[in-house]
């Protein structure tokens, strides 16, 4: 039976690079996990084993570290753009580069006052603590002419302890869930947003500011929406981002509903007045949707597992 080669790509995955920028005694840290995938004229290496068009994956790894030194890391997006442009423009057989980056955030450790008998607080500017489970992500794709930048975050856990209801839903003979008029709403946010910057003629967004502002508006929408459903909250989060960030045309969220159920304390002669809950991690409701700027096309994959 005859066969032909289909879509293919190769590269070096999960290159961990930590860049320390020393501004005198004050240090700044960028901690990235960078994955490179390259595609193009790669038929021969699959059909005959000829490596004539193959840039070794070890070279892509070295490029990540060299670029961290040569160009620094202003933002995950900017760093990915530098890499993608280099791979496509420097190697004729490579026609498309996809760079995926996870960024792990660090906070500066708060120190004691300057009169400490140990090192004074004014002397300590190089100690950090990893933030929680939240991880910033970005994917940059470049084909030599056009860019696609999709950024976002995952594992950001948020909770509203009130101002959430769930009632008026369909009921059948298998329904046991009681209507709730004051409930906990909690979720672990996985979100991606697509920028409308697509070519070098356009003004490039300020990636760091964009991420910070997008995250801010997303959280404000979660906190300020009186929620009758997690779907409603999701839509408000996406709408708030698009309405406040002109550089973003599409937002997609995957929000698992981290259920909290009131514990029955009556057997103990106690009244549970929305105070004590059982937090169930499985099974969970999974709410997913895309919010678009009017007139924009949906391009973020429905399944964001590998994005």
Foldseek 3Di string as FASTA:
>chain_A
DDDDDDDDKDADFFQWDKAWDDPDLAIDIWTKGKTKIWDFPDRCCVPPVDCPQPDDNVVLSVVLHVCCVVPNDLDPVVSQVVSQLCVCVVGPRTQKMKMKMKIWDKAADQDDDQPDPPHHRVNDNDHIDTDPPKIKMWMWMDRNFWIKIKIWIWQAKDKDLWLEWEDPDDDDPPDDDDGGPTHMWMWTKTKMWIFPGIGPVDDDDSVVVLHVVLVVQLVVLLHPDSYHDVLVSVQSSQVSSVVVPVRTFKMKIKIWTFDWAFDDCVVVVDDCPSPDTDTDPPDTDIDIDMDGDPPDDDDQDSDNPPD
